[in-house]
Amino acid sequence: MTKLLVLTLVLTAAAAAQQYTKDGELVMPKDYRQWVFLSSGIGMTYSNAPTADPHFDNIFVSPVVLKAFLKTGTWPDKTVLFMEVRTSGSHASNKDGRFQTDLVGYEAHVKDASRGGWQFYQIKKDAQISGKPFPKTAACFACHEKNGATDTTFVQFYPTLIDAAKKAGTYKEVADVQ
């Protein structure tokens, strides 16, 4: 298969996962649970304030997009990194253990050159259909720009991707996220 055909298939599959309403909201990918699970974090917020019940963030990406990243170390246009946010519970089996509980909502980090590059979207739990983009003044933009190890994304928190990004020369070492 030629490289051009492979790239075309990747972009077509990525675009299929990324759709918008006529008002510019991101349509929630219905099959995200069949995507590849990248990682889970707990308490990954843009605030340094402590919280008694931190949320779990589960990150998913489509298999086609992941395959492209592993080959190139960069996210192709039309990438959707989809985050499922859940509350956490504790003390079920031991005093320090934490586990995931209720769904809070969803967020997406989307790369779309036709919409100005990377954008963040929030899809509320009750909506589960589509979500509005965050304003460019939201803290996520500045934090990801400053602290993202690869292409404004936190690849440093996705252990299965670090080697691919380093091999491709797209990984930047970042200090602790502030």
Foldseek 3Di string as FASTA:
>chain_A
DDPVVLVVVLVVVLVVQWDADPVGWTFHRPVQVVFDWQAKDWQPDPDPDDDPKTKIKIWGWHPSQVVVCLQQVAGDASTKTKIWIFIWDDDPPDHPDIDGDGTQFMKIWHAHVVVPGTWMWTGGPVRNTTTDTDPCPDPLNVQLVQACQARSHVCVRRVVNPVSNVVNVRGDDHDPRD
